[in-house]
């Protein structure tokens, strides 16, 4: 098949990873025989064609639209105050913030969770839905908070033959440190600007770094790492021993 990927941002995955890191995936498309158009917003989709904002018209037998998702929460309107995107804002124990005096919890796709480490964490991934119920029920029944209650955002994907795993939540102004060669298997580490606090890890075709990142984000606070040490290929991805 002739495949064209149309991306409104400057690079693939730019929304999640930033344009610089997202651009490192560009060669994957050419290697797979896929035409990639970036900075190309779509103006319209009609039968047989896709018109781009710049004027180009792409013939298309099949169009796959992948632009994100919103919670189907209209049925809750009038019962619980919804956020503008349709989500429910919850605290660290998944209690709905809009009704602090009632024992109401929410998790999964429609829960937008407040995290001491990562700010606001959206729902929508099976990992959160799998692990959050244990936290929510224990806290609802009066159990004490535990260090691992603040679940790190986690997503994984297969992109054009490459395995990606992302732990944490990178910010636009974070500093970027790279392990490995971006033309092969590599990992990207984000640090809060000017600090040694690790905010996120992306591992590309490096399963050991995925496992290491899971351990790093298992505590109650963001891990502290020596940037120079973890950037070295032969060094393990772990926090220094106390």
Foldseek 3Di string as FASTA:
>chain_A
DAAEAEELAQAPPCVQPNNVLRNLCVVLCVVLNYHYHYNWDWDDDDQQWTATPVGDIGGDNDDDDDDDDADPQPVCPPPFDADPRRAFEAELLQAGPRCVPDLDGDAAQRYFYAAPAAGTRGHDDVVRVVPNVVSNVCVSVPHDDFFQSRPWDWDWDQDSNKTKIKTFGADPPWDWAKADDSNDWIKIWTHRPPFQFTGMMMTINPVQVNVQSNVQNRGNYGAGDDRVQVNYHVHHPHHDDD
